[in-house]
C-alpha atoms as a PDB file:
ATOM      1  CA  MET A   1      97.863 -92.226 142.934  1.00  0.00           C
ATOM      2  CA  SER A   2      94.389 -92.616 141.251  1.00  0.00           C
ATOM      3  CA  ASN A   3      93.715 -92.745 137.613  1.00  0.00           C
ATOM      4  CA  ILE A   4      90.091 -92.005 137.874  1.00  0.00           C
ATOM      5  CA  LYS A   5      89.255 -88.934 136.135  1.00  0.00           C
ATOM      6  CA  SER A   6      85.448 -89.342 136.357  1.00  0.00           C
ATOM      7  CA  VAL A   7      82.986 -90.388 138.704  1.00  0.00           C
ATOM      8  CA  LEU A   8      79.129 -91.414 138.378  1.00  0.00           C
ATOM      9  CA  PHE A   9      76.731 -91.473 141.254  1.00  0.00           C
ATOM     10  CA  VAL A  10      73.598 -93.323 140.807  1.00  0.00           C
ATOM     11  CA  CYS A  11      70.268 -93.744 142.581  1.00  0.00           C
ATOM     12  CA  THR A  12      66.608 -94.148 141.512  1.00  0.00           C
ATOM     13  CA  GLY A  13      65.123 -90.502 140.778  1.00  0.00           C
ATOM     14  CA  ASN A  14      68.190 -88.337 140.957  1.00  0.00           C
ATOM     15  CA  SER A  15      66.619 -86.028 143.287  1.00  0.00           C
ATOM     16  CA  CYS A  16      68.174 -87.215 146.838  1.00  0.00           C
ATOM     17  CA  ARG A  17      71.120 -89.807 147.318  1.00  0.00           C
ATOM     18  CA  SER A  18      72.911 -89.307 144.242  1.00  0.00           C
ATOM     19  CA  ILE A  19      72.697 -85.477 144.505  1.00  0.00           C
ATOM     20  CA  MET A  20      74.077 -85.489 147.984  1.00  0.00           C
ATOM     21  CA  ALA A  21      76.785 -87.689 147.162  1.00  0.00           C
ATOM     22  CA  GLU A  22      77.797 -85.803 144.064  1.00  0.00           C
ATOM     23  CA  GLY A  23      77.767 -82.328 146.097  1.00  0.00           C
ATOM     24  CA  LEU A  24      79.869 -83.871 149.021  1.00  0.00           C
ATOM     25  CA  LEU A  25      82.413 -85.546 146.760  1.00  0.00           C
ATOM     26  CA  LYS A  26      83.077 -82.186 144.641  1.00  0.00           C
ATOM     27  CA  LYS A  27      83.247 -80.121 147.958  1.00  0.00           C
ATOM     28  CA  ARG A  28      85.382 -82.675 149.493  1.00  0.00           C
ATOM     29  CA  LEU A  29      88.087 -82.856 146.348  1.00  0.00           C
ATOM     30  CA  LYS A  30      87.936 -79.318 146.268  1.00  0.00           C
ATOM     31  CA  GLU A  31      89.046 -79.344 150.150  1.00  0.00           C
ATOM     32  CA  LEU A  32      91.724 -81.902 149.439  1.00  0.00           C
ATOM     33  CA  GLY A  33      93.003 -79.877 146.524  1.00  0.00           C
ATOM     34  CA  LYS A  34      92.235 -82.758 144.005  1.00  0.00           C
ATOM     35  CA  THR A  35      91.511 -81.249 140.569  1.00  0.00           C
ATOM     36  CA  GLY A  36      90.912 -82.954 137.348  1.00  0.00           C
ATOM     37  CA  ILE A  37      88.246 -85.367 138.429  1.00  0.00           C
ATOM     38  CA  THR A  38      84.642 -84.721 136.943  1.00  0.00           C
ATOM     39  CA  VAL A  39      81.889 -85.756 139.439  1.00  0.00           C
ATOM     40  CA  ARG A  40      78.181 -85.984 138.245  1.00  0.00           C
ATOM     41  CA  SER A  41      74.941 -88.031 139.124  1.00  0.00           C
ATOM     42  CA  ALA A  42      72.140 -89.779 137.278  1.00  0.00           C
ATOM     43  CA  GLY A  43      69.093 -91.793 138.176  1.00  0.00           C
ATOM     44  CA  VAL A  44      68.117 -95.289 136.606  1.00  0.00           C
ATOM     45  CA  ARG A  45      64.377 -93.951 136.416  1.00  0.00           C
ATOM     46  CA  ALA A  46      65.060 -90.388 136.684  1.00  0.00           C
ATOM     47  CA  LEU A  47      62.970 -87.959 134.317  1.00  0.00           C
ATOM     48  CA  ASP A  48      65.401 -85.027 133.104  1.00  0.00           C
ATOM     49  CA  GLY A  49      64.874 -81.691 134.382  1.00  0.00           C
ATOM     50  CA  TYR A  50      63.341 -82.055 137.887  1.00  0.00           C
ATOM     51  CA  SER A  51      64.841 -80.258 141.068  1.00  0.00           C
ATOM     52  CA  PRO A  52      66.102 -81.813 143.980  1.00  0.00           C
ATOM     53  CA  THR A  53      63.553 -82.614 146.869  1.00  0.00           C
ATOM     54  CA  ASP A  54      63.160 -79.596 149.398  1.00  0.00           C
ATOM     55  CA  GLU A  55      64.714 -81.968 151.992  1.00  0.00           C
ATOM     56  CA  THR A  56      67.696 -82.572 149.990  1.00  0.00           C
ATOM     57  CA  ILE A  57      68.275 -79.151 149.474  1.00  0.00           C
ATOM     58  CA  GLU A  58      67.876 -78.112 153.192  1.00  0.00           C
ATOM     59  CA  VAL A  59      70.231 -80.943 154.526  1.00  0.00           C
ATOM     60  CA  MET A  60      72.924 -80.029 151.694  1.00  0.00           C
ATOM     61  CA  MET A  61      72.783 -76.198 152.489  1.00  0.00           C
ATOM     62  CA  ALA A  62      73.615 -77.445 156.338  1.00  0.00           C
ATOM     63  CA  GLU A  63      76.722 -78.992 154.888  1.00  0.00           C
ATOM     64  CA  GLY A  64      77.739 -75.794 152.869  1.00  0.00           C
ATOM     65  CA  VAL A  65      76.568 -77.119 149.637  1.00  0.00           C
ATOM     66  CA  ASP A  66      73.725 -75.617 147.396  1.00  0.00           C
ATOM     67  CA  VAL A  67      72.393 -77.989 145.112  1.00  0.00           C
ATOM     68  CA  SER A  68      69.056 -75.637 144.660  1.00  0.00           C
ATOM     69  CA  SER A  69      69.836 -75.556 141.142  1.00  0.00           C
ATOM     70  CA  PHE A  70      70.590 -78.836 140.246  1.00  0.00           C
ATOM     71  CA  LYS A  71      68.452 -80.681 137.714  1.00  0.00           C
ATOM     72  CA  SER A  72      67.931 -84.296 137.578  1.00  0.00           C
ATOM     73  CA  THR A  73      69.181 -86.564 134.885  1.00  0.00           C
ATOM     74  CA  ALA A  74      68.341 -89.942 133.256  1.00  0.00           C
ATOM     75  CA  ILE A  75      71.160 -92.121 133.164  1.00  0.00           C
ATOM     76  CA  THR A  76      72.336 -92.798 129.487  1.00  0.00           C
ATOM     77  CA  ASP A  77      74.760 -95.292 127.727  1.00  0.00           C
ATOM     78  CA  GLU A  78      76.956 -92.488 127.303  1.00  0.00           C
ATOM     79  CA  MET A  79      77.543 -91.642 130.844  1.00  0.00           C
ATOM     80  CA  ILE A  80      78.180 -95.146 131.398  1.00  0.00           C
ATOM     81  CA  LYS A  81      80.755 -95.522 128.701  1.00  0.00           C
ATOM     82  CA  THR A  82      82.562 -92.183 129.678  1.00  0.00           C
ATOM     83  CA  SER A  83      82.856 -92.824 133.470  1.00  0.00           C
ATOM     84  CA  ASP A  84      85.855 -94.278 135.096  1.00  0.00           C
ATOM     85  CA  LEU A  85      83.790 -95.204 138.268  1.00  0.00           C
ATOM     86  CA  ILE A  86      80.111 -95.524 138.949  1.00  0.00           C
ATOM     87  CA  LEU A  87      78.855 -95.765 142.564  1.00  0.00           C
ATOM     88  CA  VAL A  88      75.707 -96.821 143.142  1.00  0.00           C
ATOM     89  CA  MET A  89      73.063 -96.569 146.355  1.00  0.00           C
ATOM     90  CA  SER A  90      71.600-100.160 145.914  1.00  0.00           C
ATOM     91  CA  THR A  91      72.357-103.613 144.340  1.00  0.00           C
ATOM     92  CA  ALA A  92      69.230-102.788 142.048  1.00  0.00           C
ATOM     93  CA  HIS A  93      70.906-100.003 140.482  1.00  0.00           C
ATOM     94  CA  LYS A  94      74.141-101.970 140.062  1.00  0.00           C
ATOM     95  CA  TYR A  95      72.065-104.552 138.140  1.00  0.00           C
ATOM     96  CA  GLU A  96      70.211-102.090 136.188  1.00  0.00           C
ATOM     97  CA  ILE A  97      73.584-100.628 134.754  1.00  0.00           C
ATOM     98  CA  VAL A  98      74.933-104.069 134.151  1.00  0.00           C
ATOM     99  CA  ARG A  99      72.023-104.964 132.234  1.00  0.00           C
ATOM    100  CA  LEU A 100      72.387-101.712 130.219  1.00  0.00           C
ATOM    101  CA  ALA A 101      75.868-102.184 129.611  1.00  0.00           C
ATOM    102  CA  PRO A 102      77.671-105.641 130.512  1.00  0.00           C
ATOM    103  CA  GLU A 103      80.980-104.064 129.496  1.00  0.00           C
ATOM    104  CA  ALA A 104      80.580-101.657 132.496  1.00  0.00           C
ATOM    105  CA  VAL A 105      80.565-104.426 135.190  1.00  0.00           C
ATOM    106  CA  SER A 106      84.235-104.005 136.257  1.00  0.00           C
ATOM    107  CA  LYS A 107      83.664 -99.810 137.077  1.00  0.00           C
ATOM    108  CA  VAL A 108      80.364-100.209 138.959  1.00  0.00           C
ATOM    109  CA  PHE A 109      80.536-100.610 142.677  1.00  0.00           C
ATOM    110  CA  LEU A 110      78.032 -99.817 145.682  1.00  0.00           C
ATOM    111  CA  LEU A 111      78.917 -96.679 147.356  1.00  0.00           C
ATOM    112  CA  ARG A 112      79.064 -98.567 151.095  1.00  0.00           C
ATOM    113  CA  GLU A 113      81.415-101.105 149.721  1.00  0.00           C
ATOM    114  CA  TYR A 114      83.768 -99.261 147.508  1.00  0.00           C
ATOM    115  CA  GLY A 115      87.183 -98.563 148.846  1.00  0.00           C
ATOM    116  CA  ARG A 116      87.439-100.559 152.011  1.00  0.00           C
ATOM    117  CA  ALA A 117      90.349-101.798 152.994  1.00  0.00           C
ATOM    118  CA  ALA A 118      91.155-105.638 153.452  1.00  0.00           C
ATOM    119  CA  GLY A 119      89.414-107.008 156.431  1.00  0.00           C
ATOM    120  CA  GLU A 120      87.699-103.842 157.132  1.00  0.00           C
ATOM    121  CA  LYS A 121      83.996-104.622 158.293  1.00  0.00           C
ATOM    122  CA  VAL A 122      81.399-104.126 155.281  1.00  0.00           C
ATOM    123  CA  PRO A 123      77.946-102.742 156.565  1.00  0.00           C
ATOM    124  CA  THR A 124      75.528-105.747 156.644  1.00  0.00           C
ATOM    125  CA  ASP A 125      73.350-104.091 154.503  1.00  0.00           C
ATOM    126  CA  PRO A 126      75.261-102.386 151.831  1.00  0.00           C
ATOM    127  CA  ASN A 127      72.281-100.411 150.083  1.00  0.00           C
ATOM    128  CA  ILE A 128      71.549 -97.102 150.839  1.00  0.00           C
ATOM    129  CA  PRO A 129      67.404 -96.493 151.482  1.00  0.00           C
ATOM    130  CA  ASP A 130      65.589 -93.959 149.568  1.00  0.00           C
ATOM    131  CA  PRO A 131      64.568 -91.102 151.700  1.00  0.00           C
ATOM    132  CA  ILE A 132      62.090 -89.743 149.188  1.00  0.00           C
ATOM    133  CA  GLY A 133      58.889 -88.954 151.083  1.00  0.00           C
ATOM    134  CA  LEU A 134      60.500 -89.111 154.530  1.00  0.00           C
ATOM    135  CA  SER A 135      61.449 -86.575 157.125  1.00  0.00           C
ATOM    136  CA  VAL A 136      64.223 -84.230 157.282  1.00  0.00           C
ATOM    137  CA  ALA A 137      65.537 -85.954 159.946  1.00  0.00           C
ATOM    138  CA  GLU A 138      65.798 -89.187 158.036  1.00  0.00           C
ATOM    139  CA  TYR A 139      67.514 -87.507 155.175  1.00  0.00           C
ATOM    140  CA  LYS A 140      70.097 -86.126 157.742  1.00  0.00           C
ATOM    141  CA  THR A 141      70.640 -89.853 158.911  1.00  0.00           C
ATOM    142  CA  TYR A 142      71.093 -90.965 155.412  1.00  0.00           C
ATOM    143  CA  LEU A 143      73.284 -87.907 154.258  1.00  0.00           C
ATOM    144  CA  ASP A 144      75.460 -89.026 157.228  1.00  0.00           C
ATOM    145  CA  VAL A 145      75.869 -92.552 155.831  1.00  0.00           C
ATOM    146  CA  ILE A 146      76.593 -90.861 152.618  1.00  0.00           C
ATOM    147  CA  LYS A 147      79.211 -88.745 153.984  1.00  0.00           C
ATOM    148  CA  GLU A 148      81.186 -91.243 155.383  1.00  0.00           C
ATOM    149  CA  ASP A 149      81.402 -93.234 152.132  1.00  0.00           C
ATOM    150  CA  VAL A 150      82.288 -90.218 150.166  1.00  0.00           C
ATOM    151  CA  GLU A 151      85.110 -89.229 152.643  1.00  0.00           C
ATOM    152  CA  ARG A 152      86.618 -92.636 152.224  1.00  0.00           C
ATOM    153  CA  THR A 153      86.289 -92.225 148.310  1.00  0.00           C
ATOM    154  CA  ALA A 154      87.664 -88.939 148.148  1.00  0.00           C
ATOM    155  CA  LYS A 155      90.823 -89.987 149.909  1.00  0.00           C
ATOM    156  CA  ILE A 156      91.489 -92.778 147.356  1.00  0.00           C
ATOM    157  CA  LEU A 157      90.812 -90.714 144.294  1.00  0.00           C
END
């Protein structure tokens, strides 16, 4: 059993990828009956208080998750300090968090790499590209990648 009680997803603007991951993990943990785990998201370049992109809202609604009332949040030292696990969308996000809080290095992982079994194939490119400005179809493609990684994470927690 995992001793992780708080998960923080991080992307750039906290309007697409990290919101998708947060919403999907909350839904999956509930389905699995796993309680007592706080899930939130933030962005390394986010401005507080902005809504998700329309495309994020649309693809998440198709998953049965309403993120329309979500508001973006800039990452803070306190968030980093109080999170047991920080899952990021790209190596740039990992570097930024470690730059802000070097002591957090042991709890920051790329979402695509986290929780893979020994010998399990790791994606050639562990980064999840930013879909901002792309079509709904491309958002759906990235959502599917995030969903697979969130499913693996949910089983571990």
